[in-house]
Amino acid sequence: MSEVILYSRPGCHLCVEALEAIAALHAEGYRFSLREVDIESDDLLLRRLLERIPVVEMDGEVVSELVFDAGALRARLDTVGADDRAGGGEA
């Protein structure tokens, strides 16, 4: 199963919107694990990602940053067969 990581921080309204959109993809039938990482918990992440959040990474590859791109994540999920809607994807 693919892993989607959302890099965010408290008080980031764009991060909240991204989390909601990612949850909606899961509700549509896409299979993935989701992990949210607070960039304030790590000084290196904070310095590296502060101006780019929300950053969405899937299986180690950045899929979206700054403004969440649901189409890009959906396309990446389709590529790895994570779609269970109407029998799509892998069992």
Foldseek 3Di string as FASTA:
>chain_A
DKEKEWEAAPPDPQSVVLVVLVVVVVVQAFDYHYHYHHLVVDPVSCVVPVQWPRWMAMPRHTQGTDHDDSVSVVVVSLVQQRGPHPNTGDD
